[in-house]
C-alpha atoms as a PDB file:
ATOM      1  CA  MET A   1      14.980  19.328  23.883  1.00  0.00           C
ATOM      2  CA  ARG A   2      14.430  15.693  24.889  1.00  0.00           C
ATOM      3  CA  PHE A   3      10.701  16.263  25.080  1.00  0.00           C
ATOM      4  CA  PHE A   4      10.720  17.797  21.601  1.00  0.00           C
ATOM      5  CA  LEU A   5      12.628  14.838  20.138  1.00  0.00           C
ATOM      6  CA  LEU A   6      10.351  12.376  21.922  1.00  0.00           C
ATOM      7  CA  THR A   7       7.294  14.185  20.543  1.00  0.00           C
ATOM      8  CA  ILE A   8       8.666  14.076  16.995  1.00  0.00           C
ATOM      9  CA  LEU A   9       9.597  10.394  17.330  1.00  0.00           C
ATOM     10  CA  THR A  10       6.128   9.557  18.672  1.00  0.00           C
ATOM     11  CA  ALA A  11       4.467  11.468  15.821  1.00  0.00           C
ATOM     12  CA  MET A  12       6.591   9.631  13.267  1.00  0.00           C
ATOM     13  CA  LEU A  13       5.710   6.283  14.786  1.00  0.00           C
ATOM     14  CA  LEU A  14       1.997   7.032  14.902  1.00  0.00           C
ATOM     15  CA  THR A  15       1.818   8.301  11.326  1.00  0.00           C
ATOM     16  CA  GLY A  16       3.479   5.113  10.094  1.00  0.00           C
ATOM     17  CA  CYS A  17       0.605   3.013  11.424  1.00  0.00           C
ATOM     18  CA  SER A  18      -2.697   2.518   9.634  1.00  0.00           C
ATOM     19  CA  THR A  19      -5.673   0.219   9.511  1.00  0.00           C
ATOM     20  CA  THR A  20      -7.759  -0.223   6.392  1.00  0.00           C
ATOM     21  CA  THR A  21     -10.959  -2.256   6.435  1.00  0.00           C
ATOM     22  CA  VAL A  22     -12.295  -3.693   3.191  1.00  0.00           C
ATOM     23  CA  TYR A  23     -15.754  -5.258   2.851  1.00  0.00           C
ATOM     24  CA  ILE A  24     -16.245  -7.449  -0.211  1.00  0.00           C
ATOM     25  CA  VAL A  25     -19.565  -8.745  -1.554  1.00  0.00           C
ATOM     26  CA  ARG A  26     -20.937 -10.248  -4.696  1.00  0.00           C
ATOM     27  CA  HIS A  27     -23.740  -8.397  -6.451  1.00  0.00           C
ATOM     28  CA  GLY A  28     -27.286  -9.359  -5.508  1.00  0.00           C
ATOM     29  CA  GLU A  29     -29.574 -11.782  -7.301  1.00  0.00           C
ATOM     30  CA  LYS A  30     -30.014 -10.962 -10.984  1.00  0.00           C
ATOM     31  CA  VAL A  31     -32.799 -11.242 -13.548  1.00  0.00           C
ATOM     32  CA  ASN A  32     -30.819 -13.446 -15.950  1.00  0.00           C
ATOM     33  CA  GLU A  33     -27.294 -14.443 -17.001  1.00  0.00           C
ATOM     34  CA  SER A  34     -26.678 -11.650 -19.514  1.00  0.00           C
ATOM     35  CA  ASP A  35     -23.952  -9.083 -18.875  1.00  0.00           C
ATOM     36  CA  THR A  36     -26.452  -6.226 -18.985  1.00  0.00           C
ATOM     37  CA  THR A  37     -29.005  -7.671 -16.577  1.00  0.00           C
ATOM     38  CA  ASN A  38     -30.504  -5.849 -13.613  1.00  0.00           C
ATOM     39  CA  LEU A  39     -31.061  -7.108 -10.107  1.00  0.00           C
ATOM     40  CA  ASN A  40     -34.337  -8.921  -9.578  1.00  0.00           C
ATOM     41  CA  ALA A  41     -36.654  -8.211  -6.614  1.00  0.00           C
ATOM     42  CA  ALA A  42     -34.614 -10.444  -4.265  1.00  0.00           C
ATOM     43  CA  GLY A  43     -31.418  -8.699  -5.391  1.00  0.00           C
ATOM     44  CA  MET A  44     -32.927  -5.257  -4.766  1.00  0.00           C
ATOM     45  CA  GLN A  45     -33.990  -6.386  -1.309  1.00  0.00           C
ATOM     46  CA  ARG A  46     -30.464  -7.705  -0.677  1.00  0.00           C
ATOM     47  CA  ALA A  47     -29.039  -4.318  -1.711  1.00  0.00           C
ATOM     48  CA  LEU A  48     -31.236  -2.621   0.894  1.00  0.00           C
ATOM     49  CA  VAL A  49     -30.092  -5.091   3.554  1.00  0.00           C
ATOM     50  CA  LEU A  50     -26.471  -4.451   2.573  1.00  0.00           C
ATOM     51  CA  ALA A  51     -27.080  -0.735   3.109  1.00  0.00           C
ATOM     52  CA  ASP A  52     -28.576  -1.477   6.541  1.00  0.00           C
ATOM     53  CA  THR A  53     -25.641  -3.752   7.392  1.00  0.00           C
ATOM     54  CA  LEU A  54     -22.863  -1.353   6.396  1.00  0.00           C
ATOM     55  CA  ALA A  55     -24.401   2.105   6.940  1.00  0.00           C
ATOM     56  CA  THR A  56     -22.696   2.564  10.322  1.00  0.00           C
ATOM     57  CA  LYS A  57     -19.328   1.040   9.388  1.00  0.00           C
ATOM     58  CA  GLY A  58     -17.755   4.293   8.193  1.00  0.00           C
ATOM     59  CA  ILE A  59     -17.498   3.394   4.511  1.00  0.00           C
ATOM     60  CA  ASP A  60     -15.373   6.029   2.746  1.00  0.00           C
ATOM     61  CA  SER A  61     -15.186   4.509  -0.756  1.00  0.00           C
ATOM     62  CA  ILE A  62     -17.367   2.164  -2.792  1.00  0.00           C
ATOM     63  CA  PHE A  63     -15.937   0.322  -5.789  1.00  0.00           C
ATOM     64  CA  THR A  64     -18.129  -1.484  -8.320  1.00  0.00           C
ATOM     65  CA  THR A  65     -17.510  -3.036 -11.692  1.00  0.00           C
ATOM     66  CA  PRO A  66     -19.273  -1.159 -14.515  1.00  0.00           C
ATOM     67  CA  TYR A  67     -22.096  -3.725 -14.665  1.00  0.00           C
ATOM     68  CA  ARG A  68     -25.613  -2.690 -13.660  1.00  0.00           C
ATOM     69  CA  ARG A  69     -25.979  -5.467 -11.086  1.00  0.00           C
ATOM     70  CA  THR A  70     -22.909  -4.397  -9.074  1.00  0.00           C
ATOM     71  CA  ARG A  71     -23.866  -0.736  -9.194  1.00  0.00           C
ATOM     72  CA  GLN A  72     -27.472  -1.525  -8.193  1.00  0.00           C
ATOM     73  CA  THR A  73     -26.174  -3.571  -5.255  1.00  0.00           C
ATOM     74  CA  ALA A  74     -24.148  -0.630  -3.936  1.00  0.00           C
ATOM     75  CA  GLU A  75     -26.497   2.266  -4.756  1.00  0.00           C
ATOM     76  CA  PRO A  76     -28.747   2.126  -1.661  1.00  0.00           C
ATOM     77  CA  LEU A  77     -25.696   2.328   0.623  1.00  0.00           C
ATOM     78  CA  ALA A  78     -24.032   5.016  -1.501  1.00  0.00           C
ATOM     79  CA  GLN A  79     -27.168   7.159  -1.365  1.00  0.00           C
ATOM     80  CA  ARG A  80     -27.618   6.654   2.367  1.00  0.00           C
ATOM     81  CA  ILE A  81     -24.054   7.620   3.288  1.00  0.00           C
ATOM     82  CA  ASN A  82     -23.514  10.091   0.415  1.00  0.00           C
ATOM     83  CA  VAL A  83     -20.525   8.326  -1.156  1.00  0.00           C
ATOM     84  CA  ARG A  84     -20.192   8.126  -4.917  1.00  0.00           C
ATOM     85  CA  LEU A  85     -19.567   4.850  -6.715  1.00  0.00           C
ATOM     86  CA  THR A  86     -16.188   4.350  -8.355  1.00  0.00           C
ATOM     87  CA  ASP A  87     -15.866   1.887 -11.224  1.00  0.00           C
ATOM     88  CA  TYR A  88     -13.063  -0.631 -11.451  1.00  0.00           C
ATOM     89  CA  PRO A  89     -12.493  -3.169 -14.239  1.00  0.00           C
ATOM     90  CA  ALA A  90     -13.976  -6.603 -13.547  1.00  0.00           C
ATOM     91  CA  LYS A  91     -10.712  -8.207 -14.696  1.00  0.00           C
ATOM     92  CA  PRO A  92      -7.862  -8.412 -13.937  1.00  0.00           C
ATOM     93  CA  ASN A  93      -8.388  -8.598 -10.178  1.00  0.00           C
ATOM     94  CA  ASP A  94      -4.954  -7.059  -9.639  1.00  0.00           C
ATOM     95  CA  ALA A  95      -6.331  -3.675 -10.717  1.00  0.00           C
ATOM     96  CA  ILE A  96      -8.672  -3.339  -7.739  1.00  0.00           C
ATOM     97  CA  VAL A  97      -6.309  -5.137  -5.352  1.00  0.00           C
ATOM     98  CA  ASN A  98      -3.486  -2.720  -6.185  1.00  0.00           C
ATOM     99  CA  ARG A  99      -5.769   0.289  -5.928  1.00  0.00           C
ATOM    100  CA  VAL A 100      -7.208  -0.684  -2.552  1.00  0.00           C
ATOM    101  CA  SER A 101      -3.774  -1.699  -1.244  1.00  0.00           C
ATOM    102  CA  GLN A 102      -2.737   1.955  -1.527  1.00  0.00           C
ATOM    103  CA  ILE A 103      -5.598   3.160   0.698  1.00  0.00           C
ATOM    104  CA  ARG A 104      -4.731   3.929   4.324  1.00  0.00           C
ATOM    105  CA  ASN A 105      -6.977   4.434   7.363  1.00  0.00           C
ATOM    106  CA  LYS A 106     -10.206   4.103   5.394  1.00  0.00           C
ATOM    107  CA  THR A 107     -13.120   1.692   5.132  1.00  0.00           C
ATOM    108  CA  VAL A 108     -13.959   0.431   1.677  1.00  0.00           C
ATOM    109  CA  LEU A 109     -16.698  -1.623   0.012  1.00  0.00           C
ATOM    110  CA  ILE A 110     -15.942  -3.637  -3.119  1.00  0.00           C
ATOM    111  CA  VAL A 111     -18.860  -5.152  -5.044  1.00  0.00           C
ATOM    112  CA  GLY A 112     -17.762  -7.852  -7.462  1.00  0.00           C
ATOM    113  CA  HIS A 113     -18.764 -11.142  -9.004  1.00  0.00           C
ATOM    114  CA  SER A 114     -18.820 -14.828  -8.100  1.00  0.00           C
ATOM    115  CA  ASN A 115     -15.594 -15.396 -10.037  1.00  0.00           C
ATOM    116  CA  THR A 116     -13.718 -12.408  -8.562  1.00  0.00           C
ATOM    117  CA  ILE A 117     -14.499 -11.779  -4.896  1.00  0.00           C
ATOM    118  CA  LEU A 118     -12.492 -14.681  -3.464  1.00  0.00           C
ATOM    119  CA  ASP A 119      -9.444 -13.697  -5.514  1.00  0.00           C
ATOM    120  CA  ILE A 120      -9.796 -10.070  -4.426  1.00  0.00           C
ATOM    121  CA  ALA A 121      -9.931 -11.143  -0.773  1.00  0.00           C
ATOM    122  CA  LYS A 122      -6.852 -13.329  -1.268  1.00  0.00           C
ATOM    123  CA  GLY A 123      -5.040 -10.555  -3.125  1.00  0.00           C
ATOM    124  CA  LEU A 124      -5.554  -8.277  -0.124  1.00  0.00           C
ATOM    125  CA  GLY A 125      -4.111 -10.929   2.178  1.00  0.00           C
ATOM    126  CA  GLY A 126      -7.341 -12.587   3.345  1.00  0.00           C
ATOM    127  CA  GLN A 127      -7.548 -16.340   3.642  1.00  0.00           C
ATOM    128  CA  PRO A 128     -11.060 -17.459   2.717  1.00  0.00           C
ATOM    129  CA  VAL A 129     -11.923 -21.060   3.494  1.00  0.00           C
ATOM    130  CA  MET A 130     -14.250 -21.225   0.505  1.00  0.00           C
ATOM    131  CA  THR A 131     -12.695 -22.199  -2.792  1.00  0.00           C
ATOM    132  CA  ARG A 132     -15.591 -21.234  -5.047  1.00  0.00           C
ATOM    133  CA  ILE A 133     -18.704 -19.059  -5.028  1.00  0.00           C
ATOM    134  CA  GLU A 134     -21.584 -20.987  -6.572  1.00  0.00           C
ATOM    135  CA  SER A 135     -23.805 -19.300  -9.151  1.00  0.00           C
ATOM    136  CA  GLY A 136     -26.746 -19.157  -6.725  1.00  0.00           C
ATOM    137  CA  ASP A 137     -24.695 -17.900  -3.746  1.00  0.00           C
ATOM    138  CA  PHE A 138     -25.266 -14.199  -3.025  1.00  0.00           C
ATOM    139  CA  ASP A 139     -25.114 -13.791   0.759  1.00  0.00           C
ATOM    140  CA  ASN A 140     -21.366 -13.746   1.531  1.00  0.00           C
ATOM    141  CA  LEU A 141     -19.884 -10.719   3.236  1.00  0.00           C
ATOM    142  CA  PHE A 142     -16.102 -10.760   3.592  1.00  0.00           C
ATOM    143  CA  ARG A 143     -14.091  -8.358   5.742  1.00  0.00           C
ATOM    144  CA  VAL A 144     -10.363  -7.926   5.260  1.00  0.00           C
ATOM    145  CA  ARG A 145      -8.658  -5.726   7.855  1.00  0.00           C
ATOM    146  CA  ILE A 146      -5.145  -4.639   6.939  1.00  0.00           C
ATOM    147  CA  HIS A 147      -3.049  -3.213   9.764  1.00  0.00           C
ATOM    148  CA  ARG A 148       0.278  -1.650   8.954  1.00  0.00           C
ATOM    149  CA  GLY A 149       2.380  -1.035  12.018  1.00  0.00           C
ATOM    150  CA  LEU A 150       5.911  -0.451  13.132  1.00  0.00           C
ATOM    151  CA  PHE A 151       6.745  -4.119  12.824  1.00  0.00           C
ATOM    152  CA  GLY A 152       5.113  -4.877   9.494  1.00  0.00           C
ATOM    153  CA  LYS A 153       1.695  -5.702   8.150  1.00  0.00           C
ATOM    154  CA  SER A 154      -0.919  -8.020   9.578  1.00  0.00           C
ATOM    155  CA  VAL A 155      -4.166  -9.052   7.928  1.00  0.00           C
ATOM    156  CA  SER A 156      -7.294 -10.461   9.518  1.00  0.00           C
ATOM    157  CA  PHE A 157     -10.124 -12.019   7.570  1.00  0.00           C
ATOM    158  CA  ALA A 158     -13.720 -12.597   8.584  1.00  0.00           C
ATOM    159  CA  GLN A 159     -16.536 -14.168   6.624  1.00  0.00           C
ATOM    160  CA  THR A 160     -20.186 -13.812   7.436  1.00  0.00           C
ATOM    161  CA  THR A 161     -23.477 -13.574   5.579  1.00  0.00           C
ATOM    162  CA  TYR A 162     -26.096 -10.884   5.211  1.00  0.00           C
ATOM    163  CA  GLY A 163     -29.678 -10.797   4.089  1.00  0.00           C
ATOM    164  CA  GLN A 164     -31.709 -13.815   3.075  1.00  0.00           C
ATOM    165  CA  LEU A 165     -29.505 -16.888   3.206  1.00  0.00           C
ATOM    166  CA  THR A 166     -29.019 -18.535  -0.148  1.00  0.00           C
ATOM    167  CA  PRO A 167     -29.680 -22.275  -0.205  1.00  0.00           C
ATOM    168  CA  PRO A 168     -26.600 -24.528  -0.065  1.00  0.00           C
END
């Protein structure tokens, strides 16, 4: 009987724990400043490098805004790992933050914009050092890891770059 109770208690404890990893990037370089623009050649190359960078990370879900440039940034990875793109509204940021906050034990990619990705990272509990993404800055790759355990939630944040470095 004790063994049975111990087994049930252990199972309850283990199922209450989860780790969700969220990668956040800005779309790649674009042809122009219009809302309907495509990625340019450098942006398409960046999208391929993003696919190379994240292909082995176990991405389960990919979220993009409905703009061509975010979808084009994520498409090479989505095709490679056979995950469909899911649209989220570009604003308010709370929409995607709340949606991703409900995900447990998965790895997610969010492709956003220069004026949204820092706020999304912060909304998920990350603490970026940067205060602004410049208009010509496309190489940031943020990782927010959310661990929910028996004694609460902890969040780690990492910032790196991928692909061709954008000039400072």
